[in-house]
C-alpha cells in the first residue's frame, strides 16, 4: 500500500496523471536500477511511477533491475463481483 505522502504525488512519466505507486532509483556506476514501493518522501535522484509504468518499465541492455516492491494479493476477485 502506498503511503499518504506518495498518494499525493503523481507519476513522473509525461502526460500521466496517475498516483505514484513505486519509486525508481538507479546507479550508473553499477548499471543497476531498482523499484521499491512508493517512498514516503520525494528525492531528487529518484522517479515516482504509477503501477502501469512501473510494471512496464524496461531498462537499458546490460543493466540489472531489482524489483523490490511488495506484492499485494487481493483478498477477493472483484472481477467476479462486477458481472
PDB file of N, CA and C in Angstrom:
ATOM      1  N   UNK A   1       0.840  -1.173   0.000  1.00  0.00           N
ATOM      2  CA  UNK A   1       0.000   0.000   0.000  1.00  0.00           C
ATOM      3  C   UNK A   1       0.885   1.236   0.000  1.00  0.00           C
ATOM      4  N   UNK A   2       0.564   2.221  -0.798  1.00  0.00           N
ATOM      5  CA  UNK A   2       1.343   3.445  -0.874  1.00  0.00           C
ATOM      6  C   UNK A   2       1.109   4.279   0.378  1.00  0.00           C
ATOM      7  N   UNK A   3       2.120   5.016   0.764  1.00  0.00           N
ATOM      8  CA  UNK A   3       1.981   5.853   1.942  1.00  0.00           C
ATOM      9  C   UNK A   3       1.183   7.106   1.605  1.00  0.00           C
ATOM     10  N   UNK A   4       0.764   7.833   2.626  1.00  0.00           N
ATOM     11  CA  UNK A   4      -0.040   9.034   2.424  1.00  0.00           C
ATOM     12  C   UNK A   4       0.708  10.046   1.573  1.00  0.00           C
ATOM     13  N   UNK A   5       1.995  10.260   1.822  1.00  0.00           N
ATOM     14  CA  UNK A   5       2.777  11.224   1.048  1.00  0.00           C
ATOM     15  C   UNK A   5       2.871  10.860  -0.415  1.00  0.00           C
ATOM     16  N   UNK A   6       3.016   9.573  -0.707  1.00  0.00           N
ATOM     17  CA  UNK A   6       3.146   9.152  -2.097  1.00  0.00           C
ATOM     18  C   UNK A   6       1.823   9.258  -2.835  1.00  0.00           C
ATOM     19  N   UNK A   7       0.703   9.142  -2.125  1.00  0.00           N
ATOM     20  CA  UNK A   7      -0.595   9.233  -2.776  1.00  0.00           C
ATOM     21  C   UNK A   7      -0.832  10.630  -3.335  1.00  0.00           C
ATOM     22  N   UNK A   8      -0.211  11.619  -2.771  1.00  0.00           N
ATOM     23  CA  UNK A   8      -0.372  12.979  -3.252  1.00  0.00           C
ATOM     24  C   UNK A   8       0.523  13.254  -4.456  1.00  0.00           C
ATOM     25  N   UNK A   9       1.536  12.440  -4.643  1.00  0.00           N
ATOM     26  CA  UNK A   9       2.448  12.647  -5.762  1.00  0.00           C
ATOM     27  C   UNK A   9       1.942  11.893  -6.969  1.00  0.00           C
ATOM     28  N   UNK A  10       2.279  12.401  -8.140  1.00  0.00           N
ATOM     29  CA  UNK A  10       1.866  11.767  -9.388  1.00  0.00           C
ATOM     30  C   UNK A  10       3.044  11.081 -10.052  1.00  0.00           C
ATOM     31  N   UNK A  11       2.715  10.201 -10.975  1.00  0.00           N
ATOM     32  CA  UNK A  11       3.706   9.524 -11.795  1.00  0.00           C
ATOM     33  C   UNK A  11       4.532  10.578 -12.539  1.00  0.00           C
ATOM     34  N   UNK A  12       5.831  10.360 -12.626  1.00  0.00           N
ATOM     35  CA  UNK A  12       6.721  11.300 -13.316  1.00  0.00           C
ATOM     36  C   UNK A  12       6.733  11.144 -14.830  1.00  0.00           C
ATOM     37  N   UNK A  13       6.077  10.119 -15.372  1.00  0.00           N
ATOM     38  CA  UNK A  13       6.044   9.944 -16.825  1.00  0.00           C
ATOM     39  C   UNK A  13       5.195  11.030 -17.465  1.00  0.00           C
ATOM     40  N   UNK A  14       5.614  11.481 -18.624  1.00  0.00           N
ATOM     41  CA  UNK A  14       4.913  12.540 -19.348  1.00  0.00           C
ATOM     42  C   UNK A  14       3.455  12.172 -19.576  1.00  0.00           C
ATOM     43  N   UNK A  15       2.589  13.133 -19.402  1.00  0.00           N
ATOM     44  CA  UNK A  15       1.150  13.014 -19.665  1.00  0.00           C
ATOM     45  C   UNK A  15       0.445  11.967 -18.818  1.00  0.00           C
ATOM     46  N   UNK A  16       1.044  11.517 -17.740  1.00  0.00           N
ATOM     47  CA  UNK A  16       0.397  10.560 -16.842  1.00  0.00           C
ATOM     48  C   UNK A  16      -0.016  11.304 -15.578  1.00  0.00           C
ATOM     49  N   UNK A  17      -1.255  11.149 -15.199  1.00  0.00           N
ATOM     50  CA  UNK A  17      -1.754  11.831 -14.001  1.00  0.00           C
ATOM     51  C   UNK A  17      -2.127  10.845 -12.895  1.00  0.00           C
ATOM     52  N   UNK A  18      -1.683   9.586 -13.049  1.00  0.00           N
ATOM     53  CA  UNK A  18      -1.961   8.569 -12.039  1.00  0.00           C
ATOM     54  C   UNK A  18      -1.121   8.814 -10.780  1.00  0.00           C
ATOM     55  N   UNK A  19      -1.585   8.287  -9.667  1.00  0.00           N
ATOM     56  CA  UNK A  19      -0.863   8.414  -8.405  1.00  0.00           C
ATOM     57  C   UNK A  19       0.398   7.564  -8.411  1.00  0.00           C
ATOM     58  N   UNK A  20       1.409   8.029  -7.725  1.00  0.00           N
ATOM     59  CA  UNK A  20       2.656   7.281  -7.602  1.00  0.00           C
ATOM     60  C   UNK A  20       2.418   6.006  -6.808  1.00  0.00           C
ATOM     61  N   UNK A  21       2.934   4.890  -7.317  1.00  0.00           N
ATOM     62  CA  UNK A  21       2.810   3.601  -6.633  1.00  0.00           C
ATOM     63  C   UNK A  21       4.174   2.977  -6.373  1.00  0.00           C
ATOM     64  N   UNK A  22       5.200   3.445  -7.085  1.00  0.00           N
ATOM     65  CA  UNK A  22       6.552   2.891  -6.952  1.00  0.00           C
ATOM     66  C   UNK A  22       7.566   4.009  -7.130  1.00  0.00           C
ATOM     67  N   UNK A  23       8.739   3.774  -6.613  1.00  0.00           N
ATOM     68  CA  UNK A  23       9.843   4.723  -6.779  1.00  0.00           C
ATOM     69  C   UNK A  23      10.975   4.009  -7.494  1.00  0.00           C
ATOM     70  N   UNK A  24      11.485   4.642  -8.545  1.00  0.00           N
ATOM     71  CA  UNK A  24      12.585   4.115  -9.342  1.00  0.00           C
ATOM     72  C   UNK A  24      13.868   4.835  -8.955  1.00  0.00           C
ATOM     73  N   UNK A  25      14.889   4.050  -8.655  1.00  0.00           N
ATOM     74  CA  UNK A  25      16.214   4.588  -8.385  1.00  0.00           C
ATOM     75  C   UNK A  25      17.216   3.887  -9.279  1.00  0.00           C
ATOM     76  N   UNK A  26      18.393   4.458  -9.410  1.00  0.00           N
ATOM     77  CA  UNK A  26      19.397   3.842 -10.271  1.00  0.00           C
ATOM     78  C   UNK A  26      20.791   4.264  -9.847  1.00  0.00           C
ATOM     79  N   UNK A  27      21.769   3.467 -10.284  1.00  0.00           N
ATOM     80  CA  UNK A  27      23.176   3.746 -10.027  1.00  0.00           C
ATOM     81  C   UNK A  27      23.938   3.483 -11.323  1.00  0.00           C
ATOM     82  N   UNK A  28      24.384   4.563 -11.967  1.00  0.00           N
ATOM     83  CA  UNK A  28      25.093   4.425 -13.237  1.00  0.00           C
ATOM     84  C   UNK A  28      26.370   3.601 -13.097  1.00  0.00           C
ATOM     85  N   UNK A  29      27.087   3.755 -11.988  1.00  0.00           N
ATOM     86  CA  UNK A  29      28.378   3.084 -11.859  1.00  0.00           C
ATOM     87  C   UNK A  29      28.263   1.561 -11.845  1.00  0.00           C
ATOM     88  N   UNK A  30      27.150   1.042 -11.326  1.00  0.00           N
ATOM     89  CA  UNK A  30      26.967  -0.408 -11.285  1.00  0.00           C
ATOM     90  C   UNK A  30      25.939  -0.879 -12.312  1.00  0.00           C
ATOM     91  N   UNK A  31      25.408   0.043 -13.088  1.00  0.00           N
ATOM     92  CA  UNK A  31      24.381  -0.240 -14.099  1.00  0.00           C
ATOM     93  C   UNK A  31      23.243  -1.059 -13.490  1.00  0.00           C
ATOM     94  N   UNK A  32      22.740  -0.515 -12.373  1.00  0.00           N
ATOM     95  CA  UNK A  32      21.672  -1.156 -11.627  1.00  0.00           C
ATOM     96  C   UNK A  32      20.529  -0.170 -11.427  1.00  0.00           C
ATOM     97  N   UNK A  33      19.320  -0.666 -11.592  1.00  0.00           N
ATOM     98  CA  UNK A  33      18.122   0.122 -11.293  1.00  0.00           C
ATOM     99  C   UNK A  33      17.283  -0.682 -10.320  1.00  0.00           C
ATOM    100  N   UNK A  34      16.487  -0.002  -9.517  1.00  0.00           N
ATOM    101  CA  UNK A  34      15.632  -0.705  -8.583  1.00  0.00           C
ATOM    102  C   UNK A  34      14.289  -0.004  -8.461  1.00  0.00           C
ATOM    103  N   UNK A  35      13.286  -0.812  -8.223  1.00  0.00           N
ATOM    104  CA  UNK A  35      11.934  -0.337  -7.960  1.00  0.00           C
ATOM    105  C   UNK A  35      11.572  -0.737  -6.544  1.00  0.00           C
ATOM    106  N   UNK A  36      11.045   0.196  -5.794  1.00  0.00           N
ATOM    107  CA  UNK A  36      10.549  -0.067  -4.446  1.00  0.00           C
ATOM    108  C   UNK A  36       9.144   0.509  -4.346  1.00  0.00           C
ATOM    109  N   UNK A  37       8.412   0.107  -3.318  1.00  0.00           N
ATOM    110  CA  UNK A  37       7.119   0.735  -3.082  1.00  0.00           C
ATOM    111  C   UNK A  37       7.345   2.238  -2.968  1.00  0.00           C
ATOM    112  N   UNK A  38       6.355   3.012  -3.342  1.00  0.00           N
ATOM    113  CA  UNK A  38       6.491   4.470  -3.345  1.00  0.00           C
ATOM    114  C   UNK A  38       7.050   4.960  -2.013  1.00  0.00           C
ATOM    115  N   UNK A  39       8.116   5.723  -2.091  1.00  0.00           N
ATOM    116  CA  UNK A  39       8.738   6.242  -0.877  1.00  0.00           C
ATOM    117  C   UNK A  39       7.853   7.323  -0.269  1.00  0.00           C
ATOM    118  N   UNK A  40       7.983   7.510   1.020  1.00  0.00           N
ATOM    119  CA  UNK A  40       7.136   8.477   1.711  1.00  0.00           C
ATOM    120  C   UNK A  40       7.535   9.916   1.396  1.00  0.00           C
ATOM    121  N   UNK A  41       8.771  10.131   1.045  1.00  0.00           N
ATOM    122  CA  UNK A  41       9.255  11.477   0.724  1.00  0.00           C
ATOM    123  C   UNK A  41       9.909  11.475  -0.654  1.00  0.00           C
ATOM    124  N   UNK A  42       9.652  12.503  -1.453  1.00  0.00           N
ATOM    125  CA  UNK A  42      10.317  12.580  -2.767  1.00  0.00           C
ATOM    126  C   UNK A  42      11.814  12.837  -2.608  1.00  0.00           C
ATOM    127  N   UNK A  43      12.588  12.388  -3.562  1.00  0.00           N
ATOM    128  CA  UNK A  43      14.037  12.603  -3.563  1.00  0.00           C
ATOM    129  C   UNK A  43      14.423  12.996  -4.981  1.00  0.00           C
ATOM    130  N   UNK A  44      15.287  13.987  -5.152  1.00  0.00           N
ATOM    131  CA  UNK A  44      15.622  14.457  -6.500  1.00  0.00           C
ATOM    132  C   UNK A  44      16.342  13.427  -7.381  1.00  0.00           C
ATOM    133  N   UNK A  45      16.877  12.356  -6.797  1.00  0.00           N
ATOM    134  CA  UNK A  45      17.600  11.358  -7.585  1.00  0.00           C
ATOM    135  C   UNK A  45      16.743  10.134  -7.904  1.00  0.00           C
ATOM    136  N   UNK A  46      15.436  10.190  -7.603  1.00  0.00           N
ATOM    137  CA  UNK A  46      14.546   9.077  -7.897  1.00  0.00           C
ATOM    138  C   UNK A  46      13.337   9.582  -8.683  1.00  0.00           C
ATOM    139  N   UNK A  47      12.584   8.645  -9.213  1.00  0.00           N
ATOM    140  CA  UNK A  47      11.399   8.978 -10.005  1.00  0.00           C
ATOM    141  C   UNK A  47      10.210   8.197  -9.488  1.00  0.00           C
ATOM    142  N   UNK A  48       9.077   8.860  -9.377  1.00  0.00           N
ATOM    143  CA  UNK A  48       7.842   8.206  -8.969  1.00  0.00           C
ATOM    144  C   UNK A  48       7.139   7.669 -10.203  1.00  0.00           C
ATOM    145  N   UNK A  49       6.610   6.451 -10.097  1.00  0.00           N
ATOM    146  CA  UNK A  49       5.890   5.825 -11.201  1.00  0.00           C
ATOM    147  C   UNK A  49       4.572   5.250 -10.707  1.00  0.00           C
ATOM    148  N   UNK A  50       3.558   5.279 -11.568  1.00  0.00           N
ATOM    149  CA  UNK A  50       2.287   4.635 -11.256  1.00  0.00           C
ATOM    150  C   UNK A  50       2.460   3.129 -11.461  1.00  0.00           C
ATOM    151  N   UNK A  51       1.434   2.362 -11.102  1.00  0.00           N
ATOM    152  CA  UNK A  51       1.514   0.905 -11.280  1.00  0.00           C
ATOM    153  C   UNK A  51       1.790   0.528 -12.730  1.00  0.00           C
ATOM    154  N   UNK A  52       1.075   1.142 -13.664  1.00  0.00           N
ATOM    155  CA  UNK A  52       1.204   0.778 -15.077  1.00  0.00           C
ATOM    156  C   UNK A  52       2.620   1.022 -15.586  1.00  0.00           C
ATOM    157  N   UNK A  53       3.191   2.178 -15.276  1.00  0.00           N
ATOM    158  CA  UNK A  53       4.527   2.483 -15.773  1.00  0.00           C
ATOM    159  C   UNK A  53       5.610   1.690 -15.036  1.00  0.00           C
ATOM    160  N   UNK A  54       5.403   1.399 -13.764  1.00  0.00           N
ATOM    161  CA  UNK A  54       6.370   0.569 -13.030  1.00  0.00           C
ATOM    162  C   UNK A  54       6.358  -0.860 -13.570  1.00  0.00           C
ATOM    163  N   UNK A  55       5.164  -1.394 -13.829  1.00  0.00           N
ATOM    164  CA  UNK A  55       5.062  -2.760 -14.341  1.00  0.00           C
ATOM    165  C   UNK A  55       5.606  -2.891 -15.755  1.00  0.00           C
ATOM    166  N   UNK A  56       5.547  -1.829 -16.541  1.00  0.00           N
ATOM    167  CA  UNK A  56       6.006  -1.872 -17.929  1.00  0.00           C
ATOM    168  C   UNK A  56       7.410  -1.324 -18.131  1.00  0.00           C
ATOM    169  N   UNK A  57       8.119  -1.087 -17.040  1.00  0.00           N
ATOM    170  CA  UNK A  57       9.452  -0.497 -17.117  1.00  0.00           C
ATOM    171  C   UNK A  57      10.445  -1.402 -17.847  1.00  0.00           C
ATOM    172  N   UNK A  58      11.186  -0.824 -18.763  1.00  0.00           N
ATOM    173  CA  UNK A  58      12.304  -1.527 -19.394  1.00  0.00           C
ATOM    174  C   UNK A  58      13.563  -0.733 -19.095  1.00  0.00           C
ATOM    175  N   UNK A  59      14.644  -1.441 -18.936  1.00  0.00           N
ATOM    176  CA  UNK A  59      15.913  -0.782 -18.609  1.00  0.00           C
ATOM    177  C   UNK A  59      16.889  -0.996 -19.766  1.00  0.00           C
ATOM    178  N   UNK A  60      17.947  -0.205 -19.808  1.00  0.00           N
ATOM    179  CA  UNK A  60      18.918  -0.367 -20.901  1.00  0.00           C
ATOM    180  C   UNK A  60      19.565  -1.757 -20.892  1.00  0.00           C
ATOM    181  N   UNK A  61      19.935  -2.217 -22.069  1.00  0.00           N
ATOM    182  CA  UNK A  61      20.616  -3.502 -22.194  1.00  0.00           C
ATOM    183  C   UNK A  61      21.908  -3.463 -21.371  1.00  0.00           C
ATOM    184  N   UNK A  62      22.156  -4.525 -20.645  1.00  0.00           N
ATOM    185  CA  UNK A  62      23.355  -4.614 -19.818  1.00  0.00           C
ATOM    186  C   UNK A  62      23.131  -4.142 -18.386  1.00  0.00           C
ATOM    187  N   UNK A  63      21.969  -3.587 -18.105  1.00  0.00           N
ATOM    188  CA  UNK A  63      21.636  -3.158 -16.749  1.00  0.00           C
ATOM    189  C   UNK A  63      20.869  -4.264 -16.040  1.00  0.00           C
ATOM    190  N   UNK A  64      20.849  -4.205 -14.703  1.00  0.00           N
ATOM    191  CA  UNK A  64      20.065  -5.127 -13.881  1.00  0.00           C
ATOM    192  C   UNK A  64      18.955  -4.354 -13.213  1.00  0.00           C
ATOM    193  N   UNK A  65      17.771  -4.945 -13.159  1.00  0.00           N
ATOM    194  CA  UNK A  65      16.642  -4.350 -12.453  1.00  0.00           C
ATOM    195  C   UNK A  65      16.323  -5.204 -11.238  1.00  0.00           C
ATOM    196  N   UNK A  66      16.270  -4.573 -10.087  1.00  0.00           N
ATOM    197  CA  UNK A  66      15.899  -5.238  -8.842  1.00  0.00           C
ATOM    198  C   UNK A  66      14.530  -4.694  -8.429  1.00  0.00           C
ATOM    199  N   UNK A  67      13.510  -5.494  -8.626  1.00  0.00           N
ATOM    200  CA  UNK A  67      12.148  -5.097  -8.266  1.00  0.00           C
ATOM    201  C   UNK A  67      11.909  -5.542  -6.833  1.00  0.00           C
ATOM    202  N   UNK A  68      11.913  -4.587  -5.927  1.00  0.00           N
ATOM    203  CA  UNK A  68      11.791  -4.888  -4.507  1.00  0.00           C
ATOM    204  C   UNK A  68      10.430  -4.483  -3.952  1.00  0.00           C
ATOM    205  N   UNK A  69       9.460  -4.284  -4.851  1.00  0.00           N
ATOM    206  CA  UNK A  69       8.124  -3.910  -4.390  1.00  0.00           C
ATOM    207  C   UNK A  69       7.459  -5.100  -3.717  1.00  0.00           C
ATOM    208  N   UNK A  70       6.646  -4.793  -2.720  1.00  0.00           N
ATOM    209  CA  UNK A  70       5.840  -5.834  -2.080  1.00  0.00           C
ATOM    210  C   UNK A  70       4.708  -6.181  -3.020  1.00  0.00           C
ATOM    211  N   UNK A  71       4.411  -7.435  -3.137  1.00  0.00           N
ATOM    212  CA  UNK A  71       3.302  -7.870  -3.968  1.00  0.00           C
ATOM    213  C   UNK A  71       2.087  -7.994  -3.068  1.00  0.00           C
ATOM    214  N   UNK A  72       1.048  -7.254  -3.403  1.00  0.00           N
ATOM    215  CA  UNK A  72      -0.177  -7.289  -2.620  1.00  0.00           C
ATOM    216  C   UNK A  72      -1.204  -8.102  -3.390  1.00  0.00           C
ATOM    217  N   UNK A  73      -1.644  -9.190  -2.783  1.00  0.00           N
ATOM    218  CA  UNK A  73      -2.637 -10.062  -3.404  1.00  0.00           C
ATOM    219  C   UNK A  73      -4.016  -9.677  -2.865  1.00  0.00           C
ATOM    220  N   UNK A  74      -4.956  -9.375  -3.765  1.00  0.00           N
ATOM    221  CA  UNK A  74      -6.299  -9.017  -3.280  1.00  0.00           C
ATOM    222  C   UNK A  74      -6.954 -10.191  -2.554  1.00  0.00           C
ATOM    223  N   UNK A  75      -7.744  -9.870  -1.541  1.00  0.00           N
ATOM    224  CA  UNK A  75      -8.441 -10.915  -0.793  1.00  0.00           C
ATOM    225  C   UNK A  75      -9.600 -11.488  -1.588  1.00  0.00           C
ATOM    226  N   UNK A  76     -10.197 -10.674  -2.454  1.00  0.00           N
ATOM    227  CA  UNK A  76     -11.351 -11.103  -3.242  1.00  0.00           C
ATOM    228  C   UNK A  76     -11.117 -10.759  -4.698  1.00  0.00           C
ATOM    229  N   UNK A  77     -11.680 -11.565  -5.594  1.00  0.00           N
ATOM    230  CA  UNK A  77     -11.615 -11.295  -7.025  1.00  0.00           C
ATOM    231  C   UNK A  77     -12.773 -10.367  -7.363  1.00  0.00           C
ATOM    232  N   UNK A  78     -12.484  -9.080  -7.523  1.00  0.00           N
ATOM    233  CA  UNK A  78     -13.525  -8.082  -7.777  1.00  0.00           C
ATOM    234  C   UNK A  78     -14.102  -8.212  -9.180  1.00  0.00           C
ATOM    235  N   UNK A  79     -13.418  -8.873 -10.084  1.00  0.00           N
ATOM    236  CA  UNK A  79     -13.947  -9.065 -11.441  1.00  0.00           C
ATOM    237  C   UNK A  79     -15.197  -9.920 -11.418  1.00  0.00           C
ATOM    238  N   UNK A  80     -15.245 -10.912 -10.562  1.00  0.00           N
ATOM    239  CA  UNK A  80     -16.397 -11.798 -10.470  1.00  0.00           C
ATOM    240  C   UNK A  80     -17.610 -11.052  -9.911  1.00  0.00           C
ATOM    241  N   UNK A  81     -17.391 -10.092  -9.044  1.00  0.00           N
ATOM    242  CA  UNK A  81     -18.488  -9.329  -8.458  1.00  0.00           C
ATOM    243  C   UNK A  81     -19.064  -8.319  -9.436  1.00  0.00           C
ATOM    244  N   UNK A  82     -18.294  -7.895 -10.419  1.00  0.00           N
ATOM    245  CA  UNK A  82     -18.736  -6.866 -11.355  1.00  0.00           C
ATOM    246  C   UNK A  82     -19.757  -7.386 -12.349  1.00  0.00           C
ATOM    247  N   UNK A  83     -19.821  -8.694 -12.587  1.00  0.00           N
ATOM    248  CA  UNK A  83     -20.744  -9.226 -13.600  1.00  0.00           C
ATOM    249  C   UNK A  83     -22.110  -9.529 -13.054  1.00  0.00           C
TER     250      UNK A  83
END
